[in-house]
Amino acid sequence: MTPLIGVTTSEVRVGERVDQTPQGEPPRREMALGLTYLRAIEAAGGLPVVIPPLDLEAVEPLLDRFGGLCLSGGPDLDPSAYSARRHPDLGPVEPELDLFELELARRADERGLPILAICRGQQALNVARGGTLHQHLPDRPGTTIDHRQHAPGHKSTHAVEAMAGSRLARLLGRRELRVNSFHHQAVECLGAGLRAVAWSPDGVIEGLEAPGRDFLVCVQWHAETLVHRRDNASLFEALVEAAARFGARPALVAAA
């Protein structure tokens, strides 16, 4: 069966910033998720399902239904999630949404559910495993690249180098590539069991993975808008393939 892939929604739009369409519903607080994530998963052979932030009691029943998880991009994470003080230039945060997404990431990780984490998703997965973040990249020593590009998402603006022999390099089919960049924060201290496997030229961590896991891959760039390229499309294909394997496990156990 086509594996179900859950996709988190991390961006909140308040009613005052929503433009009402003619004959449409009145502006209200709502969630936003780019269709590019869903189309990338569908093109890779998966069936994407959008996950809204719900009560924490809903996490386990949700995960029972999924073969894989995509942690999507979005706003800054509240530093209270990793016991840090707020930087003066911290962007808008949604602590309640963070609470749900971090719990979802932890529980999915504990199950061994295949996970592809993108941009904020990489940061959330790192925090879920006890890591920390650079809250304001321009203040990070050594940062020389503008990590929030003005060009469209399908345009690449800086280089990334992946570690030789890493799963990420194997999936991409190369060690060096050019990527897009739309982030304000980045991984600082690594979470438990994670290893950095890709970097930008100024040393910002651009990729993480978990050795020993069947599939847990994180990238800091927005791969979902670069799937017209074979290297980035392969990340979603690998997620769907891992989700299919994960979904087949109960049947194999039963048959044995």
C-alpha atoms as a PDB file:
ATOM      1  CA  MET A   1       0.000   0.000   0.000  1.00  0.00           C
ATOM      2  CA  THR A   2       1.051   3.588  -0.566  1.00  0.00           C
ATOM      3  CA  PRO A   3       2.606   4.728   2.722  1.00  0.00           C
ATOM      4  CA  LEU A   4       1.027   7.609   4.626  1.00  0.00           C
ATOM      5  CA  ILE A   5       3.517  10.365   5.392  1.00  0.00           C
ATOM      6  CA  GLY A   6       2.576  12.859   8.086  1.00  0.00           C
ATOM      7  CA  VAL A   7       3.670  16.462   7.443  1.00  0.00           C
ATOM      8  CA  THR A   8       3.776  19.011  10.254  1.00  0.00           C
ATOM      9  CA  THR A   9       2.396  22.531   9.925  1.00  0.00           C
ATOM     10  CA  SER A  10       4.496  25.064  11.793  1.00  0.00           C
ATOM     11  CA  GLU A  11       3.493  28.498  10.513  1.00  0.00           C
ATOM     12  CA  VAL A  12       0.700  30.402  12.252  1.00  0.00           C
ATOM     13  CA  ARG A  13      -1.058  33.311  10.580  1.00  0.00           C
ATOM     14  CA  VAL A  14      -3.123  35.582  12.800  1.00  0.00           C
ATOM     15  CA  GLY A  15      -6.454  36.885  11.570  1.00  0.00           C
ATOM     16  CA  GLU A  16      -5.224  40.470  11.305  1.00  0.00           C
ATOM     17  CA  ARG A  17      -2.684  39.396   8.687  1.00  0.00           C
ATOM     18  CA  VAL A  18      -5.031  37.233   6.588  1.00  0.00           C
ATOM     19  CA  ASP A  19      -6.539  38.829   3.489  1.00  0.00           C
ATOM     20  CA  GLN A  20     -10.200  37.936   3.184  1.00  0.00           C
ATOM     21  CA  THR A  21     -11.264  36.713  -0.249  1.00  0.00           C
ATOM     22  CA  PRO A  22     -14.608  37.758  -1.744  1.00  0.00           C
ATOM     23  CA  GLN A  23     -17.397  35.522  -0.400  1.00  0.00           C
ATOM     24  CA  GLY A  24     -14.750  33.743   1.721  1.00  0.00           C
ATOM     25  CA  GLU A  25     -14.667  33.031   5.406  1.00  0.00           C
ATOM     26  CA  PRO A  26     -13.753  35.882   7.757  1.00  0.00           C
ATOM     27  CA  PRO A  27     -10.066  36.243   8.681  1.00  0.00           C
ATOM     28  CA  ARG A  28      -9.051  34.083  11.620  1.00  0.00           C
ATOM     29  CA  ARG A  29      -6.012  32.452  13.171  1.00  0.00           C
ATOM     30  CA  GLU A  30      -4.925  29.669  10.833  1.00  0.00           C
ATOM     31  CA  MET A  31      -2.099  27.292   9.963  1.00  0.00           C
ATOM     32  CA  ALA A  32      -0.100  27.510   6.739  1.00  0.00           C
ATOM     33  CA  LEU A  33       1.927  24.904   4.870  1.00  0.00           C
ATOM     34  CA  GLY A  34       3.457  25.177   1.426  1.00  0.00           C
ATOM     35  CA  LEU A  35       2.002  22.758  -1.102  1.00  0.00           C
ATOM     36  CA  THR A  36       5.529  22.012  -2.278  1.00  0.00           C
ATOM     37  CA  TYR A  37       6.036  19.570   0.626  1.00  0.00           C
ATOM     38  CA  LEU A  38       2.910  17.620  -0.285  1.00  0.00           C
ATOM     39  CA  ARG A  39       3.663  17.552  -3.995  1.00  0.00           C
ATOM     40  CA  ALA A  40       7.241  16.396  -3.369  1.00  0.00           C
ATOM     41  CA  ILE A  41       6.011  13.467  -1.262  1.00  0.00           C
ATOM     42  CA  GLU A  42       3.270  12.585  -3.731  1.00  0.00           C
ATOM     43  CA  ALA A  43       5.727  12.649  -6.643  1.00  0.00           C
ATOM     44  CA  ALA A  44       7.981  10.300  -4.665  1.00  0.00           C
ATOM     45  CA  GLY A  45       5.149   7.776  -4.321  1.00  0.00           C
ATOM     46  CA  GLY A  46       3.847   8.623  -0.857  1.00  0.00           C
ATOM     47  CA  LEU A  47       0.493   9.876   0.375  1.00  0.00           C
ATOM     48  CA  PRO A  48       1.007  13.084   2.382  1.00  0.00           C
ATOM     49  CA  VAL A  49      -1.257  13.902   5.325  1.00  0.00           C
ATOM     50  CA  VAL A  50      -1.108  17.340   6.949  1.00  0.00           C
ATOM     51  CA  ILE A  51      -0.831  17.257  10.751  1.00  0.00           C
ATOM     52  CA  PRO A  52      -2.349  20.193  12.647  1.00  0.00           C
ATOM     53  CA  PRO A  53      -1.196  20.926  16.206  1.00  0.00           C
ATOM     54  CA  LEU A  54      -3.534  18.957  18.472  1.00  0.00           C
ATOM     55  CA  ASP A  55      -3.672  17.916  22.121  1.00  0.00           C
ATOM     56  CA  LEU A  56      -0.671  15.808  23.119  1.00  0.00           C
ATOM     57  CA  GLU A  57      -2.993  12.849  23.699  1.00  0.00           C
ATOM     58  CA  ALA A  58      -3.489  12.710  19.940  1.00  0.00           C
ATOM     59  CA  VAL A  59       0.183  12.064  19.181  1.00  0.00           C
ATOM     60  CA  GLU A  60       0.213   8.284  19.618  1.00  0.00           C
ATOM     61  CA  PRO A  61      -3.032   7.616  17.686  1.00  0.00           C
ATOM     62  CA  LEU A  62      -1.697   9.779  14.866  1.00  0.00           C
ATOM     63  CA  LEU A  63       1.635   8.001  14.709  1.00  0.00           C
ATOM     64  CA  ASP A  64      -0.133   4.619  14.658  1.00  0.00           C
ATOM     65  CA  ARG A  65      -1.364   5.534  11.200  1.00  0.00           C
ATOM     66  CA  PHE A  66       1.820   6.828   9.608  1.00  0.00           C
ATOM     67  CA  GLY A  67       4.666   5.076   7.871  1.00  0.00           C
ATOM     68  CA  GLY A  68       6.864   8.166   7.933  1.00  0.00           C
ATOM     69  CA  LEU A  69       7.076  11.761   9.067  1.00  0.00           C
ATOM     70  CA  CYS A  70       8.228  14.989   7.411  1.00  0.00           C
ATOM     71  CA  LEU A  71       9.041  17.789   9.855  1.00  0.00           C
ATOM     72  CA  SER A  72       8.514  20.933   7.794  1.00  0.00           C
ATOM     73  CA  GLY A  73       9.938  24.437   7.888  1.00  0.00           C
ATOM     74  CA  GLY A  74       8.520  27.389   9.755  1.00  0.00           C
ATOM     75  CA  PRO A  75       9.285  30.101  12.326  1.00  0.00           C
ATOM     76  CA  ASP A  76      11.868  30.248  15.100  1.00  0.00           C
ATOM     77  CA  LEU A  77      11.655  27.772  17.955  1.00  0.00           C
ATOM     78  CA  ASP A  78      11.103  29.219  21.416  1.00  0.00           C
ATOM     79  CA  PRO A  79      14.431  28.885  23.310  1.00  0.00           C
ATOM     80  CA  SER A  80      12.562  27.813  26.442  1.00  0.00           C
ATOM     81  CA  ALA A  81      12.388  24.406  24.734  1.00  0.00           C
ATOM     82  CA  TYR A  82      16.136  24.029  25.305  1.00  0.00           C
ATOM     83  CA  SER A  83      16.426  26.096  28.508  1.00  0.00           C
ATOM     84  CA  ALA A  84      18.009  29.164  26.903  1.00  0.00           C
ATOM     85  CA  ARG A  85      17.292  32.860  27.282  1.00  0.00           C
ATOM     86  CA  ARG A  86      15.678  34.726  24.417  1.00  0.00           C
ATOM     87  CA  HIS A  87      18.007  36.559  22.067  1.00  0.00           C
ATOM     88  CA  PRO A  88      16.920  40.176  21.442  1.00  0.00           C
ATOM     89  CA  ASP A  89      16.553  39.402  17.725  1.00  0.00           C
ATOM     90  CA  LEU A  90      14.519  36.214  18.175  1.00  0.00           C
ATOM     91  CA  GLY A  91      11.703  36.071  15.636  1.00  0.00           C
ATOM     92  CA  PRO A  92       8.020  35.425  16.399  1.00  0.00           C
ATOM     93  CA  VAL A  93       7.517  32.106  18.185  1.00  0.00           C
ATOM     94  CA  GLU A  94       4.604  29.798  18.976  1.00  0.00           C
ATOM     95  CA  PRO A  95       5.460  27.910  22.204  1.00  0.00           C
ATOM     96  CA  GLU A  96       2.240  25.853  22.213  1.00  0.00           C
ATOM     97  CA  LEU A  97       2.836  24.734  18.652  1.00  0.00           C
ATOM     98  CA  ASP A  98       6.468  23.925  19.543  1.00  0.00           C
ATOM     99  CA  LEU A  99       5.261  21.742  22.407  1.00  0.00           C
ATOM    100  CA  PHE A 100       3.143  19.599  20.084  1.00  0.00           C
ATOM    101  CA  GLU A 101       5.732  19.355  17.318  1.00  0.00           C
ATOM    102  CA  LEU A 102       8.567  18.440  19.691  1.00  0.00           C
ATOM    103  CA  GLU A 103       6.428  15.767  21.334  1.00  0.00           C
ATOM    104  CA  LEU A 104       5.478  14.412  17.913  1.00  0.00           C
ATOM    105  CA  ALA A 105       9.148  14.317  16.893  1.00  0.00           C
ATOM    106  CA  ARG A 106      10.204  12.572  20.132  1.00  0.00           C
ATOM    107  CA  ARG A 107       7.506   9.920  19.938  1.00  0.00           C
ATOM    108  CA  ALA A 108       8.107   9.270  16.244  1.00  0.00           C
ATOM    109  CA  ASP A 109      11.840   9.015  16.920  1.00  0.00           C
ATOM    110  CA  GLU A 110      11.270   6.562  19.774  1.00  0.00           C
ATOM    111  CA  ARG A 111       9.223   4.348  17.452  1.00  0.00           C
ATOM    112  CA  GLY A 112      11.933   4.356  14.803  1.00  0.00           C
ATOM    113  CA  LEU A 113       9.526   5.986  12.358  1.00  0.00           C
ATOM    114  CA  PRO A 114      11.323   7.181   9.205  1.00  0.00           C
ATOM    115  CA  ILE A 115      11.827  10.950   9.462  1.00  0.00           C
ATOM    116  CA  LEU A 116      12.873  13.582   6.937  1.00  0.00           C
ATOM    117  CA  ALA A 117      13.340  16.930   8.695  1.00  0.00           C
ATOM    118  CA  ILE A 118      13.610  20.159   6.706  1.00  0.00           C
ATOM    119  CA  CYS A 119      14.856  23.583   7.866  1.00  0.00           C
ATOM    120  CA  ARG A 120      12.963  24.269  11.135  1.00  0.00           C
ATOM    121  CA  GLY A 121      12.302  20.519  11.132  1.00  0.00           C
ATOM    122  CA  GLN A 122      16.047  19.850  11.473  1.00  0.00           C
ATOM    123  CA  GLN A 123      16.201  22.316  14.346  1.00  0.00           C
ATOM    124  CA  ALA A 124      13.145  20.778  16.042  1.00  0.00           C
ATOM    125  CA  LEU A 125      14.550  17.253  15.763  1.00  0.00           C
ATOM    126  CA  ASN A 126      17.841  18.437  17.243  1.00  0.00           C
ATOM    127  CA  VAL A 127      16.033  20.084  20.172  1.00  0.00           C
ATOM    128  CA  ALA A 128      13.828  16.998  20.635  1.00  0.00           C
ATOM    129  CA  ARG A 129      17.045  15.026  21.177  1.00  0.00           C
ATOM    130  CA  GLY A 130      18.371  17.534  23.716  1.00  0.00           C
ATOM    131  CA  GLY A 131      20.370  19.811  21.416  1.00  0.00           C
ATOM    132  CA  THR A 132      20.478  23.610  21.216  1.00  0.00           C
ATOM    133  CA  LEU A 133      20.264  26.278  18.520  1.00  0.00           C
ATOM    134  CA  HIS A 134      21.957  29.457  17.402  1.00  0.00           C
ATOM    135  CA  GLN A 135      19.042  31.850  17.833  1.00  0.00           C
ATOM    136  CA  HIS A 136      20.336  34.610  15.545  1.00  0.00           C
ATOM    137  CA  LEU A 137      22.767  33.434  12.869  1.00  0.00           C
ATOM    138  CA  PRO A 138      24.278  36.863  12.121  1.00  0.00           C
ATOM    139  CA  ASP A 139      25.686  36.836  15.680  1.00  0.00           C
ATOM    140  CA  ARG A 140      27.264  33.398  15.270  1.00  0.00           C
ATOM    141  CA  PRO A 141      31.073  33.717  15.086  1.00  0.00           C
ATOM    142  CA  GLY A 142      32.283  32.971  11.571  1.00  0.00           C
ATOM    143  CA  THR A 143      28.964  33.476   9.768  1.00  0.00           C
ATOM    144  CA  THR A 144      29.711  35.078   6.412  1.00  0.00           C
ATOM    145  CA  ILE A 145      26.740  33.940   4.307  1.00  0.00           C
ATOM    146  CA  ASP A 146      23.282  35.486   4.173  1.00  0.00           C
ATOM    147  CA  HIS A 147      21.224  32.473   5.223  1.00  0.00           C
ATOM    148  CA  ARG A 148      17.938  34.190   4.350  1.00  0.00           C
ATOM    149  CA  GLN A 149      18.063  34.629   0.609  1.00  0.00           C
ATOM    150  CA  HIS A 150      15.871  37.026  -1.343  1.00  0.00           C
ATOM    151  CA  ALA A 151      15.805  34.836  -4.457  1.00  0.00           C
ATOM    152  CA  PRO A 152      12.877  32.385  -4.978  1.00  0.00           C
ATOM    153  CA  GLY A 153      12.993  28.958  -3.378  1.00  0.00           C
ATOM    154  CA  HIS A 154      13.834  27.148  -6.597  1.00  0.00           C
ATOM    155  CA  LYS A 155      17.060  29.159  -6.841  1.00  0.00           C
ATOM    156  CA  SER A 156      20.271  27.994  -5.107  1.00  0.00           C
ATOM    157  CA  THR A 157      22.425  30.648  -3.442  1.00  0.00           C
ATOM    158  CA  HIS A 158      25.253  28.907  -1.577  1.00  0.00           C
ATOM    159  CA  ALA A 159      27.257  25.705  -1.494  1.00  0.00           C
ATOM    160  CA  VAL A 160      26.993  22.766   0.897  1.00  0.00           C
ATOM    161  CA  GLU A 161      29.496  19.966   1.400  1.00  0.00           C
ATOM    162  CA  ALA A 162      28.351  16.587   2.730  1.00  0.00           C
ATOM    163  CA  MET A 163      30.559  14.190   4.671  1.00  0.00           C
ATOM    164  CA  ALA A 164      32.120  11.375   2.674  1.00  0.00           C
ATOM    165  CA  GLY A 165      30.422   8.079   3.417  1.00  0.00           C
ATOM    166  CA  SER A 166      27.385   9.671   5.053  1.00  0.00           C
ATOM    167  CA  ARG A 167      23.878   8.490   4.245  1.00  0.00           C
ATOM    168  CA  LEU A 168      23.057  12.015   3.092  1.00  0.00           C
ATOM    169  CA  ALA A 169      25.913  12.044   0.577  1.00  0.00           C
ATOM    170  CA  ARG A 170      24.831   8.640  -0.738  1.00  0.00           C
ATOM    171  CA  LEU A 171      21.222   9.776  -1.139  1.00  0.00           C
ATOM    172  CA  LEU A 172      22.202  12.986  -2.877  1.00  0.00           C
ATOM    173  CA  GLY A 173      24.608  11.112  -5.125  1.00  0.00           C
ATOM    174  CA  ARG A 174      27.262  13.745  -4.499  1.00  0.00           C
ATOM    175  CA  ARG A 175      29.174  15.464  -1.739  1.00  0.00           C
ATOM    176  CA  GLU A 176      29.054  19.004  -3.079  1.00  0.00           C
ATOM    177  CA  LEU A 177      25.917  20.809  -4.153  1.00  0.00           C
ATOM    178  CA  ARG A 178      24.288  24.201  -4.131  1.00  0.00           C
ATOM    179  CA  VAL A 179      21.181  24.849  -2.054  1.00  0.00           C
ATOM    180  CA  ASN A 180      18.665  27.526  -1.164  1.00  0.00           C
ATOM    181  CA  SER A 181      18.626  29.185   2.267  1.00  0.00           C
ATOM    182  CA  PHE A 182      15.678  30.556   4.267  1.00  0.00           C
ATOM    183  CA  HIS A 183      16.544  30.244   7.944  1.00  0.00           C
ATOM    184  CA  HIS A 184      17.238  32.540  10.876  1.00  0.00           C
ATOM    185  CA  GLN A 185      18.391  29.844  13.315  1.00  0.00           C
ATOM    186  CA  ALA A 186      20.635  26.787  13.050  1.00  0.00           C
ATOM    187  CA  VAL A 187      21.919  23.829  15.060  1.00  0.00           C
ATOM    188  CA  GLU A 188      24.459  24.715  17.752  1.00  0.00           C
ATOM    189  CA  CYS A 189      25.076  21.757  20.124  1.00  0.00           C
ATOM    190  CA  LEU A 190      24.081  18.396  18.682  1.00  0.00           C
ATOM    191  CA  GLY A 191      21.287  16.354  20.215  1.00  0.00           C
ATOM    192  CA  ALA A 192      21.986  12.868  21.566  1.00  0.00           C
ATOM    193  CA  GLY A 193      22.856  10.310  18.890  1.00  0.00           C
ATOM    194  CA  LEU A 194      22.940  12.817  16.035  1.00  0.00           C
ATOM    195  CA  ARG A 195      25.945  13.614  13.878  1.00  0.00           C
ATOM    196  CA  ALA A 196      26.522  16.559  11.607  1.00  0.00           C
ATOM    197  CA  VAL A 197      27.081  15.435   8.025  1.00  0.00           C
ATOM    198  CA  ALA A 198      26.882  18.619   5.923  1.00  0.00           C
ATOM    199  CA  TRP A 199      28.055  22.215   6.267  1.00  0.00           C
ATOM    200  CA  SER A 200      27.896  25.528   4.447  1.00  0.00           C
ATOM    201  CA  PRO A 201      31.235  27.218   3.647  1.00  0.00           C
ATOM    202  CA  ASP A 202      30.962  29.331   6.825  1.00  0.00           C
ATOM    203  CA  GLY A 203      30.549  26.250   9.012  1.00  0.00           C
ATOM    204  CA  VAL A 204      26.797  26.304   9.656  1.00  0.00           C
ATOM    205  CA  ILE A 205      25.455  22.753  10.027  1.00  0.00           C
ATOM    206  CA  GLU A 206      23.345  21.941   6.960  1.00  0.00           C
ATOM    207  CA  GLY A 207      22.668  18.239   7.508  1.00  0.00           C
ATOM    208  CA  LEU A 208      22.170  15.739  10.344  1.00  0.00           C
ATOM    209  CA  GLU A 209      21.574  12.017  10.545  1.00  0.00           C
ATOM    210  CA  ALA A 210      21.310   9.332  13.197  1.00  0.00           C
ATOM    211  CA  PRO A 211      23.685   6.388  12.691  1.00  0.00           C
ATOM    212  CA  GLY A 212      21.947   3.123  13.399  1.00  0.00           C
ATOM    213  CA  ARG A 213      18.486   4.359  12.425  1.00  0.00           C
ATOM    214  CA  ASP A 214      16.909   2.946   9.270  1.00  0.00           C
ATOM    215  CA  PHE A 215      16.015   6.459   8.139  1.00  0.00           C
ATOM    216  CA  LEU A 216      16.479   9.732   9.994  1.00  0.00           C
ATOM    217  CA  VAL A 217      17.816  12.473   7.735  1.00  0.00           C
ATOM    218  CA  CYS A 218      17.734  16.230   8.294  1.00  0.00           C
ATOM    219  CA  VAL A 219      18.635  19.087   5.954  1.00  0.00           C
ATOM    220  CA  GLN A 220      18.710  22.799   6.703  1.00  0.00           C
ATOM    221  CA  TRP A 221      17.784  23.866   3.171  1.00  0.00           C
ATOM    222  CA  HIS A 222      14.309  23.660   1.623  1.00  0.00           C
ATOM    223  CA  ALA A 223      14.680  20.514  -0.433  1.00  0.00           C
ATOM    224  CA  GLU A 224      10.967  20.476  -1.254  1.00  0.00           C
ATOM    225  CA  THR A 225      11.401  23.448  -3.615  1.00  0.00           C
ATOM    226  CA  LEU A 226      14.392  21.840  -5.340  1.00  0.00           C
ATOM    227  CA  VAL A 227      12.865  18.493  -6.332  1.00  0.00           C
ATOM    228  CA  HIS A 228      13.221  19.413  -9.991  1.00  0.00           C
ATOM    229  CA  ARG A 229      16.814  18.307  -9.320  1.00  0.00           C
ATOM    230  CA  ARG A 230      17.579  14.619  -8.975  1.00  0.00           C
ATOM    231  CA  ASP A 231      19.684  15.051  -5.814  1.00  0.00           C
ATOM    232  CA  ASN A 232      16.877  16.650  -3.795  1.00  0.00           C
ATOM    233  CA  ALA A 233      14.085  14.478  -5.184  1.00  0.00           C
ATOM    234  CA  SER A 234      16.004  11.448  -3.933  1.00  0.00           C
ATOM    235  CA  LEU A 235      15.523  12.571  -0.310  1.00  0.00           C
ATOM    236  CA  PHE A 236      11.742  12.263  -0.614  1.00  0.00           C
ATOM    237  CA  GLU A 237      11.990   9.002  -2.518  1.00  0.00           C
ATOM    238  CA  ALA A 238      14.165   7.569   0.243  1.00  0.00           C
ATOM    239  CA  LEU A 239      11.648   8.697   2.881  1.00  0.00           C
ATOM    240  CA  VAL A 240       8.781   6.998   1.042  1.00  0.00           C
ATOM    241  CA  GLU A 241      10.795   3.802   0.543  1.00  0.00           C
ATOM    242  CA  ALA A 242      11.709   3.723   4.236  1.00  0.00           C
ATOM    243  CA  ALA A 243       8.061   4.350   5.173  1.00  0.00           C
ATOM    244  CA  ALA A 244       7.003   1.405   3.014  1.00  0.00           C
ATOM    245  CA  ARG A 245       9.540  -0.805   4.806  1.00  0.00           C
ATOM    246  CA  PHE A 246       8.362   0.452   8.176  1.00  0.00           C
ATOM    247  CA  GLY A 247       4.733  -0.210   7.312  1.00  0.00           C
ATOM    248  CA  ALA A 248       5.553  -3.747   6.210  1.00  0.00           C
ATOM    249  CA  ARG A 249       7.129  -4.710   9.553  1.00  0.00           C
ATOM    250  CA  PRO A 250       3.925  -5.793  11.383  1.00  0.00           C
ATOM    251  CA  ALA A 251       2.922  -7.987   8.438  1.00  0.00           C
ATOM    252  CA  LEU A 252       6.342  -9.650   8.453  1.00  0.00           C
ATOM    253  CA  VAL A 253       6.129 -10.293  12.173  1.00  0.00           C
ATOM    254  CA  ALA A 254       2.636 -11.733  11.850  1.00  0.00           C
ATOM    255  CA  ALA A 255       3.693 -13.975   8.987  1.00  0.00           C
ATOM    256  CA  ALA A 256       6.610 -15.301  11.042  1.00  0.00           C
END
